[in-house]
Amino acid sequence: MEALKKTFYPNLEHPVAELSAYALSMGLFIISLKSEEIIRFEPSDVAHFKSWLDRHKIRDINKDIEITGPNKE
């Protein structure tokens, strides 16, 4: 876990250890931090950043919606 506190994506001010979940829309990432703060991030390479998030097992909210549907609980 200590290494994750020092793992950053270029131009993102928060280390991966602080990231909880994300949603992607039109090249803009809305990221939920573990502190319950919400931030926006627009990377220069959307596919690379998404891959980085997935590799670090950050939850993709869009996938949750696809699986359960927007009105299903």
PDB file of N, CA and C in Angstrom:
ATOM      1  N   MET A   1       0.826  -1.195   0.000  1.00  0.00           N
ATOM      2  CA  MET A   1       0.000   0.000   0.000  1.00  0.00           C
ATOM      3  C   MET A   1       0.868   1.256   0.000  1.00  0.00           C
ATOM      4  N   GLU A   2       2.013   1.197   0.654  1.00  0.00           N
ATOM      5  CA  GLU A   2       2.908   2.360   0.715  1.00  0.00           C
ATOM      6  C   GLU A   2       3.349   2.784  -0.682  1.00  0.00           C
ATOM      7  N   ALA A   3       3.629   1.829  -1.552  1.00  0.00           N
ATOM      8  CA  ALA A   3       4.042   2.158  -2.925  1.00  0.00           C
ATOM      9  C   ALA A   3       2.924   2.862  -3.680  1.00  0.00           C
ATOM     10  N   LEU A   4       1.674   2.485  -3.427  1.00  0.00           N
ATOM     11  CA  LEU A   4       0.549   3.111  -4.122  1.00  0.00           C
ATOM     12  C   LEU A   4       0.379   4.571  -3.726  1.00  0.00           C
ATOM     13  N   LYS A   5       0.821   4.931  -2.538  1.00  0.00           N
ATOM     14  CA  LYS A   5       0.741   6.329  -2.107  1.00  0.00           C
ATOM     15  C   LYS A   5       1.667   7.205  -2.933  1.00  0.00           C
ATOM     16  N   LYS A   6       2.649   6.575  -3.588  1.00  0.00           N
ATOM     17  CA  LYS A   6       3.619   7.311  -4.397  1.00  0.00           C
ATOM     18  C   LYS A   6       3.400   7.088  -5.886  1.00  0.00           C
ATOM     19  N   THR A   7       2.335   6.380  -6.258  1.00  0.00           N
ATOM     20  CA  THR A   7       2.057   6.078  -7.658  1.00  0.00           C
ATOM     21  C   THR A   7       1.091   7.106  -8.219  1.00  0.00           C
ATOM     22  N   PHE A   8       1.598   7.944  -9.105  1.00  0.00           N
ATOM     23  CA  PHE A   8       0.809   9.011  -9.714  1.00  0.00           C
ATOM     24  C   PHE A   8       0.716   8.811 -11.221  1.00  0.00           C
ATOM     25  N   TYR A   9      -0.361   9.310 -11.815  1.00  0.00           N
ATOM     26  CA  TYR A   9      -0.484   9.404 -13.268  1.00  0.00           C
ATOM     27  C   TYR A   9      -0.072  10.829 -13.638  1.00  0.00           C
ATOM     28  N   PRO A  10       0.630  11.019 -14.763  1.00  0.00           N
ATOM     29  CA  PRO A  10       1.070  12.367 -15.140  1.00  0.00           C
ATOM     30  C   PRO A  10      -0.076  13.392 -15.129  1.00  0.00           C
ATOM     31  N   ASN A  11       0.170  14.504 -14.486  1.00  0.00           N
ATOM     32  CA  ASN A  11      -0.748  15.648 -14.382  1.00  0.00           C
ATOM     33  C   ASN A  11      -1.955  15.410 -13.473  1.00  0.00           C
ATOM     34  N   LEU A  12      -2.060  14.251 -12.854  1.00  0.00           N
ATOM     35  CA  LEU A  12      -3.122  13.995 -11.877  1.00  0.00           C
ATOM     36  C   LEU A  12      -2.535  14.260 -10.494  1.00  0.00           C
ATOM     37  N   GLU A  13      -3.162  15.125  -9.738  1.00  0.00           N
ATOM     38  CA  GLU A  13      -2.612  15.574  -8.455  1.00  0.00           C
ATOM     39  C   GLU A  13      -2.742  14.562  -7.325  1.00  0.00           C
ATOM     40  N   HIS A  14      -3.514  13.505  -7.525  1.00  0.00           N
ATOM     41  CA  HIS A  14      -3.776  12.535  -6.461  1.00  0.00           C
ATOM     42  C   HIS A  14      -3.136  11.190  -6.803  1.00  0.00           C
ATOM     43  N   PRO A  15      -2.525  10.518  -5.814  1.00  0.00           N
ATOM     44  CA  PRO A  15      -1.970   9.191  -6.075  1.00  0.00           C
ATOM     45  C   PRO A  15      -3.087   8.158  -6.227  1.00  0.00           C
ATOM     46  N   VAL A  16      -2.762   7.053  -6.845  1.00  0.00           N
ATOM     47  CA  VAL A  16      -3.754   6.011  -7.089  1.00  0.00           C
ATOM     48  C   VAL A  16      -4.379   5.511  -5.783  1.00  0.00           C
ATOM     49  N   ALA A  17      -3.644   5.548  -4.692  1.00  0.00           N
ATOM     50  CA  ALA A  17      -4.168   5.079  -3.402  1.00  0.00           C
ATOM     51  C   ALA A  17      -5.350   5.912  -2.912  1.00  0.00           C
ATOM     52  N   GLU A  18      -5.509   7.133  -3.423  1.00  0.00           N
ATOM     53  CA  GLU A  18      -6.621   7.997  -3.016  1.00  0.00           C
ATOM     54  C   GLU A  18      -7.848   7.843  -3.906  1.00  0.00           C
ATOM     55  N   LEU A  19      -7.724   7.122  -5.021  1.00  0.00           N
ATOM     56  CA  LEU A  19      -8.820   7.012  -5.978  1.00  0.00           C
ATOM     57  C   LEU A  19      -9.754   5.873  -5.600  1.00  0.00           C
ATOM     58  N   SER A  20     -11.052   6.113  -5.709  1.00  0.00           N
ATOM     59  CA  SER A  20     -12.042   5.103  -5.354  1.00  0.00           C
ATOM     60  C   SER A  20     -12.776   4.561  -6.576  1.00  0.00           C
ATOM     61  N   ALA A  21     -13.277   5.455  -7.420  1.00  0.00           N
ATOM     62  CA  ALA A  21     -14.075   5.038  -8.579  1.00  0.00           C
ATOM     63  C   ALA A  21     -14.051   6.154  -9.613  1.00  0.00           C
ATOM     64  N   TYR A  22     -14.471   5.795 -10.828  1.00  0.00           N
ATOM     65  CA  TYR A  22     -14.508   6.813 -11.881  1.00  0.00           C
ATOM     66  C   TYR A  22     -15.635   6.543 -12.862  1.00  0.00           C
ATOM     67  N   ALA A  23     -16.015   7.604 -13.560  1.00  0.00           N
ATOM     68  CA  ALA A  23     -16.942   7.513 -14.687  1.00  0.00           C
ATOM     69  C   ALA A  23     -16.305   8.307 -15.821  1.00  0.00           C
ATOM     70  N   LEU A  24     -16.491   7.829 -17.032  1.00  0.00           N
ATOM     71  CA  LEU A  24     -15.919   8.475 -18.212  1.00  0.00           C
ATOM     72  C   LEU A  24     -17.034   8.901 -19.143  1.00  0.00           C
ATOM     73  N   SER A  25     -16.967  10.147 -19.589  1.00  0.00           N
ATOM     74  CA  SER A  25     -17.931  10.661 -20.554  1.00  0.00           C
ATOM     75  C   SER A  25     -17.240  11.687 -21.438  1.00  0.00           C
ATOM     76  N   MET A  26     -17.251  11.418 -22.730  1.00  0.00           N
ATOM     77  CA  MET A  26     -16.719  12.348 -23.727  1.00  0.00           C
ATOM     78  C   MET A  26     -15.292  12.802 -23.413  1.00  0.00           C
ATOM     79  N   GLY A  27     -14.460  11.883 -22.975  1.00  0.00           N
ATOM     80  CA  GLY A  27     -13.057  12.184 -22.709  1.00  0.00           C
ATOM     81  C   GLY A  27     -12.775  12.806 -21.359  1.00  0.00           C
ATOM     82  N   LEU A  28     -13.808  13.022 -20.558  1.00  0.00           N
ATOM     83  CA  LEU A  28     -13.647  13.614 -19.231  1.00  0.00           C
ATOM     84  C   LEU A  28     -13.908  12.545 -18.170  1.00  0.00           C
ATOM     85  N   PHE A  29     -12.977  12.416 -17.252  1.00  0.00           N
ATOM     86  CA  PHE A  29     -13.126  11.471 -16.150  1.00  0.00           C
ATOM     87  C   PHE A  29     -13.637  12.211 -14.919  1.00  0.00           C
ATOM     88  N   ILE A  30     -14.678  11.688 -14.322  1.00  0.00           N
ATOM     89  CA  ILE A  30     -15.161  12.156 -13.027  1.00  0.00           C
ATOM     90  C   ILE A  30     -14.677  11.105 -12.034  1.00  0.00           C
ATOM     91  N   ILE A  31     -13.863  11.531 -11.089  1.00  0.00           N
ATOM     92  CA  ILE A  31     -13.203  10.593 -10.183  1.00  0.00           C
ATOM     93  C   ILE A  31     -13.648  10.853  -8.749  1.00  0.00           C
ATOM     94  N   SER A  32     -14.064   9.776  -8.095  1.00  0.00           N
ATOM     95  CA  SER A  32     -14.424   9.828  -6.684  1.00  0.00           C
ATOM     96  C   SER A  32     -13.188   9.439  -5.875  1.00  0.00           C
ATOM     97  N   LEU A  33     -12.817  10.297  -4.949  1.00  0.00           N
ATOM     98  CA  LEU A  33     -11.688   9.996  -4.078  1.00  0.00           C
ATOM     99  C   LEU A  33     -12.184   9.299  -2.816  1.00  0.00           C
ATOM    100  N   LYS A  34     -11.301   8.587  -2.155  1.00  0.00           N
ATOM    101  CA  LYS A  34     -11.671   7.901  -0.918  1.00  0.00           C
ATOM    102  C   LYS A  34     -12.081   8.884   0.175  1.00  0.00           C
ATOM    103  N   SER A  35     -11.676  10.132   0.037  1.00  0.00           N
ATOM    104  CA  SER A  35     -12.063  11.181   0.989  1.00  0.00           C
ATOM    105  C   SER A  35     -13.475  11.694   0.716  1.00  0.00           C
ATOM    106  N   GLU A  36     -14.144  11.127  -0.295  1.00  0.00           N
ATOM    107  CA  GLU A  36     -15.492  11.481  -0.745  1.00  0.00           C
ATOM    108  C   GLU A  36     -15.523  12.766  -1.569  1.00  0.00           C
ATOM    109  N   GLU A  37     -14.363  13.297  -1.900  1.00  0.00           N
ATOM    110  CA  GLU A  37     -14.270  14.450  -2.796  1.00  0.00           C
ATOM    111  C   GLU A  37     -14.428  13.949  -4.234  1.00  0.00           C
ATOM    112  N   ILE A  38     -15.013  14.769  -5.094  1.00  0.00           N
ATOM    113  CA  ILE A  38     -15.166  14.449  -6.510  1.00  0.00           C
ATOM    114  C   ILE A  38     -14.279  15.413  -7.297  1.00  0.00           C
ATOM    115  N   ILE A  39     -13.483  14.851  -8.222  1.00  0.00           N
ATOM    116  CA  ILE A  39     -12.627  15.689  -9.059  1.00  0.00           C
ATOM    117  C   ILE A  39     -12.873  15.359 -10.526  1.00  0.00           C
ATOM    118  N   ARG A  40     -12.456  16.260 -11.393  1.00  0.00           N
ATOM    119  CA  ARG A  40     -12.516  16.037 -12.839  1.00  0.00           C
ATOM    120  C   ARG A  40     -11.095  15.953 -13.354  1.00  0.00           C
ATOM    121  N   PHE A  41     -10.892  15.105 -14.374  1.00  0.00           N
ATOM    122  CA  PHE A  41      -9.564  14.983 -14.977  1.00  0.00           C
ATOM    123  C   PHE A  41      -9.727  14.694 -16.458  1.00  0.00           C
ATOM    124  N   GLU A  42      -9.019  15.458 -17.272  1.00  0.00           N
ATOM    125  CA  GLU A  42      -9.062  15.280 -18.721  1.00  0.00           C
ATOM    126  C   GLU A  42      -7.646  14.959 -19.206  1.00  0.00           C
ATOM    127  N   PRO A  43      -7.326  13.667 -19.322  1.00  0.00           N
ATOM    128  CA  PRO A  43      -5.970  13.286 -19.729  1.00  0.00           C
ATOM    129  C   PRO A  43      -5.741  13.528 -21.217  1.00  0.00           C
ATOM    130  N   SER A  44      -4.490  13.612 -21.599  1.00  0.00           N
ATOM    131  CA  SER A  44      -4.172  13.791 -23.019  1.00  0.00           C
ATOM    132  C   SER A  44      -4.419  12.498 -23.799  1.00  0.00           C
ATOM    133  N   ASP A  45      -4.333  11.352 -23.123  1.00  0.00           N
ATOM    134  CA  ASP A  45      -4.569  10.054 -23.768  1.00  0.00           C
ATOM    135  C   ASP A  45      -5.614   9.289 -22.947  1.00  0.00           C
ATOM    136  N   VAL A  46      -6.862   9.381 -23.378  1.00  0.00           N
ATOM    137  CA  VAL A  46      -7.987   8.790 -22.638  1.00  0.00           C
ATOM    138  C   VAL A  46      -7.824   7.281 -22.477  1.00  0.00           C
ATOM    139  N   ALA A  47      -7.498   6.582 -23.552  1.00  0.00           N
ATOM    140  CA  ALA A  47      -7.382   5.118 -23.500  1.00  0.00           C
ATOM    141  C   ALA A  47      -6.267   4.691 -22.543  1.00  0.00           C
ATOM    142  N   HIS A  48      -5.158   5.389 -22.563  1.00  0.00           N
ATOM    143  CA  HIS A  48      -4.032   5.044 -21.688  1.00  0.00           C
ATOM    144  C   HIS A  48      -4.398   5.262 -20.218  1.00  0.00           C
ATOM    145  N   PHE A  49      -5.062   6.377 -19.922  1.00  0.00           N
ATOM    146  CA  PHE A  49      -5.462   6.647 -18.539  1.00  0.00           C
ATOM    147  C   PHE A  49      -6.488   5.627 -18.057  1.00  0.00           C
ATOM    148  N   LYS A  50      -7.465   5.289 -18.897  1.00  0.00           N
ATOM    149  CA  LYS A  50      -8.469   4.287 -18.523  1.00  0.00           C
ATOM    150  C   LYS A  50      -7.793   2.950 -18.238  1.00  0.00           C
ATOM    151  N   SER A  51      -6.843   2.596 -19.068  1.00  0.00           N
ATOM    152  CA  SER A  51      -6.095   1.359 -18.885  1.00  0.00           C
ATOM    153  C   SER A  51      -5.324   1.382 -17.555  1.00  0.00           C
ATOM    154  N   TRP A  52      -4.739   2.524 -17.239  1.00  0.00           N
ATOM    155  CA  TRP A  52      -4.002   2.693 -15.983  1.00  0.00           C
ATOM    156  C   TRP A  52      -4.942   2.516 -14.792  1.00  0.00           C
ATOM    157  N   LEU A  53      -6.120   3.132 -14.853  1.00  0.00           N
ATOM    158  CA  LEU A  53      -7.105   2.980 -13.777  1.00  0.00           C
ATOM    159  C   LEU A  53      -7.525   1.520 -13.625  1.00  0.00           C
ATOM    160  N   ASP A  54      -7.807   0.868 -14.742  1.00  0.00           N
ATOM    161  CA  ASP A  54      -8.225  -0.535 -14.702  1.00  0.00           C
ATOM    162  C   ASP A  54      -7.114  -1.428 -14.148  1.00  0.00           C
ATOM    163  N   ARG A  55      -5.885  -1.159 -14.541  1.00  0.00           N
ATOM    164  CA  ARG A  55      -4.747  -1.948 -14.064  1.00  0.00           C
ATOM    165  C   ARG A  55      -4.592  -1.821 -12.543  1.00  0.00           C
ATOM    166  N   HIS A  56      -4.954  -0.669 -12.007  1.00  0.00           N
ATOM    167  CA  HIS A  56      -4.869  -0.452 -10.560  1.00  0.00           C
ATOM    168  C   HIS A  56      -6.183  -0.777  -9.840  1.00  0.00           C
ATOM    169  N   LYS A  57      -7.098  -1.386 -10.589  1.00  0.00           N
ATOM    170  CA  LYS A  57      -8.366  -1.876 -10.031  1.00  0.00           C
ATOM    171  C   LYS A  57      -9.230  -0.766  -9.417  1.00  0.00           C
ATOM    172  N   ILE A  58      -9.258   0.389 -10.096  1.00  0.00           N
ATOM    173  CA  ILE A  58     -10.149   1.472  -9.692  1.00  0.00           C
ATOM    174  C   ILE A  58     -11.506   1.181 -10.324  1.00  0.00           C
ATOM    175  N   ARG A  59     -12.554   1.207  -9.541  1.00  0.00           N
ATOM    176  CA  ARG A  59     -13.897   0.808  -9.990  1.00  0.00           C
ATOM    177  C   ARG A  59     -14.427   1.738 -11.081  1.00  0.00           C
ATOM    178  N   ASP A  60     -14.918   1.130 -12.154  1.00  0.00           N
ATOM    179  CA  ASP A  60     -15.524   1.850 -13.281  1.00  0.00           C
ATOM    180  C   ASP A  60     -17.034   1.897 -13.054  1.00  0.00           C
ATOM    181  N   ILE A  61     -17.550   3.050 -12.693  1.00  0.00           N
ATOM    182  CA  ILE A  61     -18.976   3.199 -12.393  1.00  0.00           C
ATOM    183  C   ILE A  61     -19.834   2.902 -13.615  1.00  0.00           C
ATOM    184  N   ASN A  62     -19.337   3.232 -14.802  1.00  0.00           N
ATOM    185  CA  ASN A  62     -20.093   2.950 -16.026  1.00  0.00           C
ATOM    186  C   ASN A  62     -20.373   1.458 -16.167  1.00  0.00           C
ATOM    187  N   LYS A  63     -19.425   0.613 -15.794  1.00  0.00           N
ATOM    188  CA  LYS A  63     -19.639  -0.840 -15.855  1.00  0.00           C
ATOM    189  C   LYS A  63     -20.702  -1.272 -14.850  1.00  0.00           C
ATOM    190  N   ASP A  64     -20.707  -0.666 -13.675  1.00  0.00           N
ATOM    191  CA  ASP A  64     -21.725  -0.984 -12.666  1.00  0.00           C
ATOM    192  C   ASP A  64     -23.115  -0.672 -13.198  1.00  0.00           C
ATOM    193  N   ILE A  65     -23.256   0.450 -13.879  1.00  0.00           N
ATOM    194  CA  ILE A  65     -24.555   0.847 -14.432  1.00  0.00           C
ATOM    195  C   ILE A  65     -24.984  -0.116 -15.530  1.00  0.00           C
ATOM    196  N   GLU A  66     -24.037  -0.545 -16.378  1.00  0.00           N
ATOM    197  CA  GLU A  66     -24.353  -1.492 -17.452  1.00  0.00           C
ATOM    198  C   GLU A  66     -24.832  -2.822 -16.890  1.00  0.00           C
ATOM    199  N   ILE A  67     -24.222  -3.275 -15.807  1.00  0.00           N
ATOM    200  CA  ILE A  67     -24.558  -4.574 -15.225  1.00  0.00           C
ATOM    201  C   ILE A  67     -25.915  -4.533 -14.531  1.00  0.00           C
ATOM    202  N   THR A  68     -26.147  -3.513 -13.726  1.00  0.00           N
ATOM    203  CA  THR A  68     -27.378  -3.467 -12.940  1.00  0.00           C
ATOM    204  C   THR A  68     -28.479  -2.653 -13.594  1.00  0.00           C
ATOM    205  N   GLY A  69     -28.124  -1.787 -14.513  1.00  0.00           N
ATOM    206  CA  GLY A  69     -29.104  -0.900 -15.124  1.00  0.00           C
ATOM    207  C   GLY A  69     -29.282   0.334 -14.274  1.00  0.00           C
ATOM    208  N   PRO A  70     -29.664   1.440 -14.873  1.00  0.00           N
ATOM    209  CA  PRO A  70     -29.748   2.696 -14.127  1.00  0.00           C
ATOM    210  C   PRO A  70     -30.817   2.719 -13.043  1.00  0.00           C
ATOM    211  N   ASN A  71     -31.857   1.895 -13.159  1.00  0.00           N
ATOM    212  CA  ASN A  71     -32.948   1.928 -12.178  1.00  0.00           C
ATOM    213  C   ASN A  71     -33.087   0.631 -11.397  1.00  0.00           C
ATOM    214  N   LYS A  72     -32.067  -0.228 -11.473  1.00  0.00           N
ATOM    215  CA  LYS A  72     -32.129  -1.510 -10.763  1.00  0.00           C
ATOM    216  C   LYS A  72     -31.255  -1.444  -9.534  1.00  0.00           C
ATOM    217  N   GLU A  73     -31.672  -2.081  -8.486  1.00  0.00           N
ATOM    218  CA  GLU A  73     -30.891  -2.119  -7.240  1.00  0.00           C
ATOM    219  C   GLU A  73     -30.715  -3.546  -6.812  1.00  0.00           C
TER     220      GLU A  73
END
